[in-house]
Amino acid sequence: MADDKSFSNTSSSHGTQTPPVDDVISAMSAVELGPSPSALYRLTLLQEALNQAKEAFKAAMGDSADIQTDDVWDHLQDVADVIEHVKVRRKKPENQKKNIKAISCSKLKWQDMVRFGVTCTYRVAADRILALPEPSVYLVPEFKAFWNTREEEIHGSLEDVHLGYLHPNESYSRSLIDRLTGYGSRWTRASEVGGSGMFVAPEIMLLLVGQRPEKEGGDRLTIEYGNYETVLTGRLDVLLVTMPKTTMTNKVREAFLSQRSVYAAIRACTPGSLRNIRFIALEAKPQGADLEHHLPQVLGQSLGILKFIKSETISWCISTGTAWIFGASQSTATEVRVYVGEVISYNINDKNSIRQVFKTLMYWATQEPTKIIEKISPNARVQEIVV
């Protein structure tokens, strides 16, 4: 049993001691959820330590614990639940030969892609991605009209963000992304292409949608491929949801607006209506980040969202706010194909480059991912994943 002094190196306003929450979080994050018995033993000890730390924290803080403290412990308890889930899965006789592991999407690396059936990527040139919207005759006139009336406003909005940040960190990137997706939501609401409009759902937990309305999420999101079983954890920065104008999607839209929850919207869907809704997984990274390095994260998230929406194809993008990679993932019975565009960027002072990126984002938001794949796959080149 751990001594209470293990959690008592920070003074509180009451003169009592509080546990080092950051240390506990670091310990939880550092645990390797691998298949070895020693790892399972460490997980068991860590879960016990979590429970002890929680009690020590309550004793030290009393009524002074604020909502941020509650959020910390909710997060730690969530990690403990994942630990328990993995342990239970490994104990089942039918899983003795399986490689079962829990991975946070933010920790995914290229070598982990084999767990999902991704052995190579299909690379698409940036000029091919930028050229995609032009053949869509029905899209161009509406888009041009919107852009011509909003160009100065959009540029000024992005410039405000650019001038307002001394240090362009991830918050800066998210602000730029928020501005573009906000105008995208306006355009889709005013456009026949956009149907009922594009909704922005931030911070989506990677959970299967539960059927009980009081539960925001549901069961653990697990991807199985061959001998691998991977429990994906973490959050997606943004899920963009665009709905065409149909009787069913009007009900989904009402559910989304009334409860402000993408989970509620998905519960309101029939399997058939889900296929008519466009979902884009969007991940934000700080300025200067190597987007190629972070691709495994958004690829894992996109495959998690595929299970979330019970589909075979999904569009996605990863961005620093100014630099973007657009792509799509397609799951088949034998493999997962991932189409990755080259980086495209805009300069804050170049309105034409902003227009190109915004138009591409809107194209990704309004088109079926299967149609996007059909148009880019003939020009894609295969690149094997080297780890």
Protein backbone atom coordinates (compact mmCIF):
# COMPACT_ATOMS: atom_id res chain seq x y z
CA MET A 1 0.00 0.00 0.00
CA ALA A 2 1.47 3.33 -0.99
CA ASP A 3 2.25 5.85 1.75
CA ASP A 4 0.12 9.00 1.65
CA LYS A 5 3.38 10.94 1.40
CA SER A 6 3.60 9.67 -2.17
CA PHE A 7 0.92 12.21 -3.00
CA SER A 8 1.89 15.08 -0.71
CA ASN A 9 4.52 17.38 -2.17
CA THR A 10 2.30 20.39 -2.95
CA SER A 11 0.86 22.75 -0.37
CA SER A 12 -2.78 23.78 -0.45
CA SER A 13 -4.45 26.92 0.84
CA HIS A 14 -5.63 24.90 3.86
CA GLY A 15 -2.08 24.12 4.98
CA THR A 16 -2.60 20.47 4.09
CA GLN A 17 -0.85 18.62 1.29
CA THR A 18 -2.22 17.83 -2.17
CA PRO A 19 -1.10 15.10 -4.56
CA PRO A 20 1.10 16.01 -7.56
CA VAL A 21 -1.60 15.64 -10.19
CA ASP A 22 0.84 16.24 -13.07
CA ASP A 23 3.05 13.40 -11.81
CA VAL A 24 0.11 11.02 -11.72
CA ILE A 25 -0.93 12.03 -15.25
CA SER A 26 2.64 11.56 -16.49
CA ALA A 27 2.79 8.12 -14.89
CA MET A 28 -0.51 7.12 -16.48
CA SER A 29 0.60 8.34 -19.90
CA ALA A 30 3.98 6.62 -19.68
CA VAL A 31 2.61 3.13 -19.09
CA GLU A 32 3.17 0.79 -22.02
CA LEU A 33 -0.08 -1.05 -22.70
CA GLY A 34 1.79 -3.93 -24.31
CA PRO A 35 1.09 -7.66 -24.11
CA SER A 36 3.72 -8.61 -21.51
CA PRO A 37 2.67 -9.85 -18.03
CA SER A 38 5.00 -7.29 -16.44
CA ALA A 39 3.11 -4.52 -18.19
CA LEU A 40 -0.19 -5.86 -16.87
CA TYR A 41 1.27 -5.97 -13.39
CA ARG A 42 2.36 -2.34 -13.68
CA LEU A 43 -1.12 -1.41 -14.87
CA THR A 44 -2.70 -3.06 -11.86
CA LEU A 45 -0.41 -1.20 -9.49
CA LEU A 46 -1.06 2.06 -11.29
CA GLN A 47 -4.81 1.60 -11.08
CA GLU A 48 -4.48 1.06 -7.33
CA ALA A 49 -2.28 4.15 -7.11
CA LEU A 50 -4.92 6.16 -8.96
CA ASN A 51 -7.61 5.22 -6.46
CA GLN A 52 -5.31 6.04 -3.54
CA ALA A 53 -4.33 9.36 -5.10
CA LYS A 54 -7.95 10.29 -5.64
CA GLU A 55 -8.80 9.68 -1.98
CA ALA A 56 -5.72 11.58 -0.81
CA PHE A 57 -6.63 14.47 -3.08
CA LYS A 58 -10.18 14.64 -1.73
CA ALA A 59 -8.90 14.55 1.84
CA ALA A 60 -6.45 17.37 1.16
CA MET A 61 -8.69 19.64 -0.89
CA GLY A 62 -12.06 19.10 0.74
CA ASP A 63 -14.70 21.42 -0.68
CA SER A 64 -12.12 23.59 -2.42
CA ALA A 65 -11.71 21.21 -5.38
CA ASP A 66 -12.78 23.03 -8.52
CA ILE A 67 -14.13 21.75 -11.85
CA GLN A 68 -10.64 21.55 -13.36
CA THR A 69 -9.67 19.16 -10.62
CA ASP A 70 -12.75 17.08 -11.36
CA ASP A 71 -11.80 17.02 -15.05
CA VAL A 72 -8.32 15.75 -14.18
CA TRP A 73 -9.68 12.87 -12.18
CA ASP A 74 -12.30 12.08 -14.80
CA HIS A 75 -9.47 11.81 -17.30
CA LEU A 76 -7.43 9.55 -15.03
CA GLN A 77 -10.44 7.36 -14.31
CA ASP A 78 -11.04 7.09 -18.04
CA VAL A 79 -7.47 5.83 -18.48
CA ALA A 80 -8.02 3.34 -15.67
CA ASP A 81 -11.18 2.12 -17.41
CA VAL A 82 -9.17 1.53 -20.59
CA ILE A 83 -6.64 -0.47 -18.56
CA GLU A 84 -9.41 -2.64 -17.15
CA HIS A 85 -10.97 -3.09 -20.59
CA VAL A 86 -7.67 -4.35 -22.04
CA LYS A 87 -7.10 -6.70 -19.12
CA VAL A 88 -10.59 -8.21 -19.49
CA ARG A 89 -10.16 -8.66 -23.25
CA ARG A 90 -6.80 -10.42 -22.83
CA LYS A 91 -8.18 -12.88 -20.29
CA LYS A 92 -10.81 -14.25 -22.66
CA PRO A 93 -9.75 -17.73 -23.94
CA GLU A 94 -10.50 -16.85 -27.56
CA ASN A 95 -8.09 -13.90 -27.37
CA GLN A 96 -5.01 -15.73 -26.04
CA LYS A 97 -3.21 -15.51 -29.39
CA LYS A 98 -4.29 -11.96 -30.18
CA ASN A 99 -2.12 -8.89 -29.92
CA ILE A 100 -4.40 -6.62 -27.88
CA LYS A 101 -3.24 -3.12 -27.12
CA ALA A 102 -4.65 0.30 -26.23
CA ILE A 103 -3.08 3.28 -27.96
CA SER A 104 -3.83 6.97 -27.70
CA CYS A 105 -4.20 8.41 -31.20
CA SER A 106 -1.70 11.14 -30.36
CA LYS A 107 0.92 8.43 -29.75
CA LEU A 108 0.37 6.53 -33.01
CA LYS A 109 3.43 6.03 -35.21
CA TRP A 110 3.90 4.67 -38.72
CA GLN A 111 4.80 1.22 -37.38
CA ASP A 112 1.37 1.05 -35.72
CA MET A 113 -0.41 1.32 -39.07
CA VAL A 114 0.04 -2.40 -39.69
CA ARG A 115 -2.38 -2.97 -36.82
CA PHE A 116 -5.12 -1.42 -38.97
CA GLY A 117 -4.24 -3.07 -42.28
CA VAL A 118 -2.41 -0.02 -43.66
CA THR A 119 0.79 -1.18 -45.36
CA CYS A 120 1.22 1.69 -47.81
CA THR A 121 -0.14 5.13 -48.64
CA TYR A 122 -1.40 6.42 -51.97
CA ARG A 123 0.19 9.82 -52.55
CA VAL A 124 -1.50 12.55 -54.58
CA ALA A 125 0.23 15.67 -55.91
CA ALA A 126 -0.84 19.03 -54.47
CA ASP A 127 -1.77 20.43 -57.88
CA ARG A 128 -4.10 17.47 -58.40
CA ILE A 129 -5.83 18.18 -55.06
CA LEU A 130 -6.20 21.88 -55.86
CA ALA A 131 -7.60 21.10 -59.30
CA LEU A 132 -10.36 18.84 -57.94
CA PRO A 133 -13.06 21.47 -57.34
CA GLU A 134 -12.90 22.95 -60.86
CA PRO A 135 -14.80 20.16 -62.73
CA SER A 136 -17.75 20.48 -60.34
CA VAL A 137 -19.91 22.78 -62.44
CA TYR A 138 -22.62 23.05 -59.81
CA LEU A 139 -20.09 24.03 -57.16
CA VAL A 140 -18.11 26.74 -58.91
CA PRO A 141 -20.82 29.38 -59.60
CA GLU A 142 -22.17 29.24 -56.05
CA PHE A 143 -18.71 29.32 -54.57
CA LYS A 144 -17.59 32.24 -56.72
CA ALA A 145 -20.62 34.28 -55.69
CA PHE A 146 -19.96 33.61 -52.01
CA TRP A 147 -16.24 34.32 -52.28
CA ASN A 148 -16.69 37.54 -54.23
CA THR A 149 -18.93 38.98 -51.51
CA ARG A 150 -16.90 37.64 -48.57
CA GLU A 151 -13.28 37.81 -49.78
CA GLU A 152 -12.29 40.95 -47.88
CA GLU A 153 -14.15 39.82 -44.77
CA ILE A 154 -12.49 36.38 -44.72
CA HIS A 155 -9.05 37.85 -45.35
CA GLY A 156 -9.56 40.45 -42.60
CA SER A 157 -10.71 37.77 -40.16
CA LEU A 158 -7.60 35.63 -40.75
CA GLU A 159 -5.40 38.71 -40.59
CA ASP A 160 -6.89 39.62 -37.20
CA VAL A 161 -5.78 36.24 -35.85
CA HIS A 162 -2.35 36.60 -37.45
CA LEU A 163 -1.77 40.06 -35.96
CA GLY A 164 -3.25 39.19 -32.57
CA TYR A 165 -0.82 36.40 -31.59
CA LEU A 166 2.72 37.09 -30.39
CA HIS A 167 3.59 33.39 -30.43
CA PRO A 168 1.91 31.32 -33.17
CA ASN A 169 1.27 28.14 -31.17
CA GLU A 170 -1.50 25.53 -31.57
CA SER A 171 -4.06 28.00 -30.23
CA TYR A 172 -3.13 30.28 -33.12
CA SER A 173 -3.56 27.38 -35.56
CA ARG A 174 -6.95 26.46 -34.14
CA SER A 175 -8.11 30.07 -34.35
CA LEU A 176 -7.26 30.17 -38.07
CA ILE A 177 -9.01 26.84 -38.61
CA ASP A 178 -12.05 28.06 -36.66
CA ARG A 179 -12.32 31.13 -38.89
CA LEU A 180 -12.22 29.06 -42.10
CA THR A 181 -14.65 26.40 -40.86
CA GLY A 182 -16.94 29.16 -39.57
CA TYR A 183 -17.17 30.73 -43.01
CA GLY A 184 -17.52 27.25 -44.46
CA SER A 185 -20.56 26.71 -42.26
CA ARG A 186 -22.06 29.97 -43.59
CA TRP A 187 -21.46 28.99 -47.19
CA THR A 188 -22.92 25.49 -46.84
CA ARG A 189 -26.08 26.88 -45.18
CA ALA A 190 -26.57 29.24 -48.13
CA SER A 191 -25.67 26.67 -50.79
CA GLU A 192 -27.69 23.89 -52.37
CA VAL A 193 -24.48 21.85 -52.34
CA GLY A 194 -24.22 22.28 -48.58
CA GLY A 195 -27.75 21.05 -47.92
CA SER A 196 -28.71 21.70 -44.31
CA GLY A 197 -25.31 23.18 -43.60
CA MET A 198 -21.96 22.15 -42.15
CA PHE A 199 -21.72 21.74 -38.39
CA VAL A 200 -18.51 21.91 -36.41
CA ALA A 201 -18.28 19.34 -33.60
CA PRO A 202 -15.14 19.95 -31.50
CA GLU A 203 -13.30 17.58 -29.18
CA ILE A 204 -14.95 14.29 -30.17
CA MET A 205 -14.17 11.41 -27.83
CA LEU A 206 -13.27 8.25 -29.73
CA LEU A 207 -16.05 6.06 -28.38
CA LEU A 208 -18.71 4.00 -30.05
CA VAL A 209 -22.04 5.77 -29.77
CA GLY A 210 -24.08 4.37 -26.91
CA GLN A 211 -27.81 3.77 -27.20
CA ARG A 212 -28.67 5.24 -23.81
CA PRO A 213 -29.49 8.95 -24.23
CA GLU A 214 -27.98 9.86 -20.87
CA LYS A 215 -24.58 8.57 -22.03
CA GLU A 216 -22.60 10.98 -24.19
CA GLY A 217 -20.40 8.21 -25.53
CA GLY A 218 -20.55 4.44 -25.42
CA ASP A 219 -18.31 1.41 -25.60
CA ARG A 220 -14.58 1.49 -26.21
CA LEU A 221 -13.71 2.00 -29.85
CA THR A 222 -11.82 -1.10 -30.97
CA ILE A 223 -10.39 -1.82 -34.41
CA GLU A 224 -9.70 -5.44 -35.29
CA TYR A 225 -7.47 -6.52 -38.15
CA GLY A 226 -5.98 -9.99 -38.47
CA ASN A 227 -4.38 -10.94 -35.17
CA TYR A 228 -4.46 -7.34 -33.93
CA GLU A 229 -7.04 -5.73 -31.70
CA THR A 230 -6.45 -2.06 -30.97
CA VAL A 231 -8.40 0.06 -28.51
CA LEU A 232 -8.13 3.65 -29.72
CA THR A 233 -8.31 6.35 -27.08
CA GLY A 234 -8.16 10.13 -27.12
CA ARG A 235 -10.07 12.88 -28.89
CA LEU A 236 -10.42 14.22 -32.39
CA ASP A 237 -9.95 18.00 -32.51
CA VAL A 238 -12.84 18.63 -34.90
CA LEU A 239 -15.46 16.56 -36.72
CA LEU A 240 -17.08 18.45 -39.59
CA VAL A 241 -20.59 17.21 -40.37
CA THR A 242 -22.41 18.26 -43.57
CA MET A 243 -25.99 17.12 -44.20
CA PRO A 244 -27.93 17.13 -47.47
CA LYS A 245 -31.54 18.32 -47.41
CA THR A 246 -33.67 15.20 -46.95
CA THR A 247 -36.50 14.29 -44.57
CA MET A 248 -34.22 12.06 -42.53
CA THR A 249 -31.32 14.49 -42.26
CA ASN A 250 -33.71 17.24 -41.22
CA LYS A 251 -34.52 15.09 -38.17
CA VAL A 252 -30.81 14.54 -37.58
CA ARG A 253 -30.21 18.28 -37.89
CA GLU A 254 -32.93 18.97 -35.33
CA ALA A 255 -31.39 16.44 -32.95
CA PHE A 256 -27.98 18.03 -33.39
CA LEU A 257 -29.26 21.56 -32.83
CA SER A 258 -31.54 20.73 -29.90
CA GLN A 259 -28.94 18.74 -27.97
CA ARG A 260 -25.77 20.23 -29.47
CA SER A 261 -24.29 16.75 -29.62
CA VAL A 262 -22.95 14.79 -32.56
CA TYR A 263 -23.74 11.65 -30.55
CA ALA A 264 -27.41 12.64 -30.44
CA ALA A 265 -27.33 13.28 -34.18
CA ILE A 266 -25.87 9.84 -34.89
CA ARG A 267 -28.45 8.17 -32.64
CA ALA A 268 -31.16 9.85 -34.74
CA CYS A 269 -29.75 8.27 -37.91
CA THR A 270 -30.73 5.05 -39.56
CA PRO A 271 -27.81 3.14 -41.16
CA GLY A 272 -29.06 4.29 -44.55
CA SER A 273 -29.21 7.97 -43.63
CA LEU A 274 -25.69 7.92 -42.20
CA ARG A 275 -24.38 7.20 -45.69
CA ASN A 276 -25.83 10.49 -46.91
CA ILE A 277 -24.02 12.59 -44.33
CA ARG A 278 -20.50 13.88 -44.98
CA PHE A 279 -18.01 13.53 -42.13
CA ILE A 280 -14.51 15.01 -42.10
CA ALA A 281 -11.98 14.26 -39.38
CA LEU A 282 -9.86 17.39 -38.80
CA GLU A 283 -6.76 17.51 -36.61
CA ALA A 284 -4.96 20.76 -35.68
CA LYS A 285 -1.22 21.12 -35.18
CA PRO A 286 0.92 24.10 -34.14
CA GLN A 287 2.58 26.37 -36.68
CA GLY A 288 5.78 24.87 -38.05
CA ALA A 289 4.76 21.29 -37.24
CA ASP A 290 5.79 18.55 -39.66
CA LEU A 291 2.34 17.45 -40.82
CA GLU A 292 3.77 14.31 -42.44
CA HIS A 293 5.12 13.24 -39.04
CA HIS A 294 1.66 13.60 -37.48
CA LEU A 295 -0.20 11.74 -40.25
CA PRO A 296 -0.47 8.47 -38.24
CA GLN A 297 -2.56 10.33 -35.66
CA VAL A 298 -5.17 11.61 -38.10
CA LEU A 299 -5.16 8.29 -39.99
CA GLY A 300 -5.93 6.42 -36.77
CA GLN A 301 -8.60 8.97 -35.90
CA SER A 302 -10.18 8.66 -39.34
CA LEU A 303 -10.37 4.86 -38.98
CA GLY A 304 -11.88 5.32 -35.52
CA ILE A 305 -14.52 7.68 -36.92
CA LEU A 306 -15.27 5.08 -39.64
CA LYS A 307 -16.41 2.74 -36.88
CA PHE A 308 -18.11 5.63 -35.13
CA ILE A 309 -20.28 6.33 -38.21
CA LYS A 310 -20.41 2.70 -39.43
CA SER A 311 -19.01 3.52 -42.86
CA GLU A 312 -16.26 2.33 -45.22
CA THR A 313 -14.89 5.68 -46.43
CA ILE A 314 -14.16 9.03 -44.82
CA SER A 315 -12.43 12.27 -45.73
CA TRP A 316 -9.96 13.91 -43.39
CA CYS A 317 -7.45 16.74 -43.13
CA ILE A 318 -4.65 17.87 -40.84
CA SER A 319 -3.62 21.49 -40.60
CA THR A 320 -1.50 24.14 -38.90
CA GLY A 321 -4.09 26.70 -39.94
CA THR A 322 -2.04 27.81 -42.96
CA ALA A 323 -0.58 24.46 -44.15
CA TRP A 324 -3.02 21.65 -44.97
CA ILE A 325 -2.94 18.00 -45.98
CA PHE A 326 -6.22 16.66 -47.39
CA GLY A 327 -6.85 12.94 -47.64
CA ALA A 328 -9.32 10.06 -47.51
CA SER A 329 -9.39 6.59 -45.95
CA GLN A 330 -11.16 3.56 -47.36
CA SER A 331 -11.64 0.29 -45.49
CA THR A 332 -12.12 -2.94 -47.47
CA ALA A 333 -12.45 -6.55 -46.44
CA THR A 334 -8.72 -7.15 -46.93
CA GLU A 335 -6.95 -3.83 -46.39
CA VAL A 336 -7.23 -0.15 -45.61
CA ARG A 337 -6.31 2.27 -48.36
CA VAL A 338 -5.17 5.72 -47.34
CA TYR A 339 -4.98 8.54 -49.90
CA VAL A 340 -2.68 11.39 -48.85
CA GLY A 341 -2.37 14.71 -50.62
CA GLU A 342 0.79 16.77 -50.62
CA VAL A 343 0.92 19.82 -48.35
CA ILE A 344 -0.86 22.89 -49.67
CA SER A 345 -0.53 26.25 -47.96
CA TYR A 346 -1.74 29.81 -48.08
CA ASN A 347 0.04 33.03 -47.30
CA ILE A 348 -1.92 35.36 -45.04
CA ASN A 349 -1.28 38.20 -47.51
CA ASP A 350 -2.20 36.21 -50.63
CA LYS A 351 -5.98 36.16 -51.04
CA ASN A 352 -5.82 33.80 -54.02
CA SER A 353 -3.96 31.13 -52.01
CA ILE A 354 -6.50 31.53 -49.17
CA ARG A 355 -9.28 31.04 -51.72
CA GLN A 356 -7.66 27.85 -53.04
CA VAL A 357 -7.39 26.29 -49.59
CA PHE A 358 -10.89 27.38 -48.56
CA LYS A 359 -12.37 26.02 -51.79
CA THR A 360 -10.62 22.68 -51.27
CA LEU A 361 -11.89 22.49 -47.69
CA MET A 362 -15.43 23.13 -48.94
CA TYR A 363 -15.03 20.51 -51.65
CA TRP A 364 -13.93 17.97 -49.04
CA ALA A 365 -16.89 18.97 -46.85
CA THR A 366 -19.57 18.56 -49.51
CA GLN A 367 -18.43 15.63 -51.65
CA GLU A 368 -18.84 11.93 -50.99
CA PRO A 369 -15.43 10.52 -50.05
CA THR A 370 -15.90 7.71 -52.58
CA LYS A 371 -16.17 10.30 -55.36
CA ILE A 372 -13.08 12.09 -54.12
CA ILE A 373 -11.18 8.79 -54.16
CA GLU A 374 -12.44 8.00 -57.66
CA LYS A 375 -11.01 11.29 -58.92
CA ILE A 376 -7.63 11.17 -57.19
CA SER A 377 -6.83 7.44 -57.29
CA PRO A 378 -5.84 7.27 -61.01
CA ASN A 379 -3.05 9.75 -60.33
CA ALA A 380 -1.95 8.37 -56.96
CA ARG A 381 1.43 6.75 -56.52
CA VAL A 382 1.99 3.93 -54.05
CA GLN A 383 4.43 4.57 -51.22
CA GLU A 384 5.22 1.70 -48.87
CA ILE A 385 5.38 2.52 -45.18
CA VAL A 386 8.96 2.28 -43.98
CA VAL A 387 9.49 2.06 -40.22
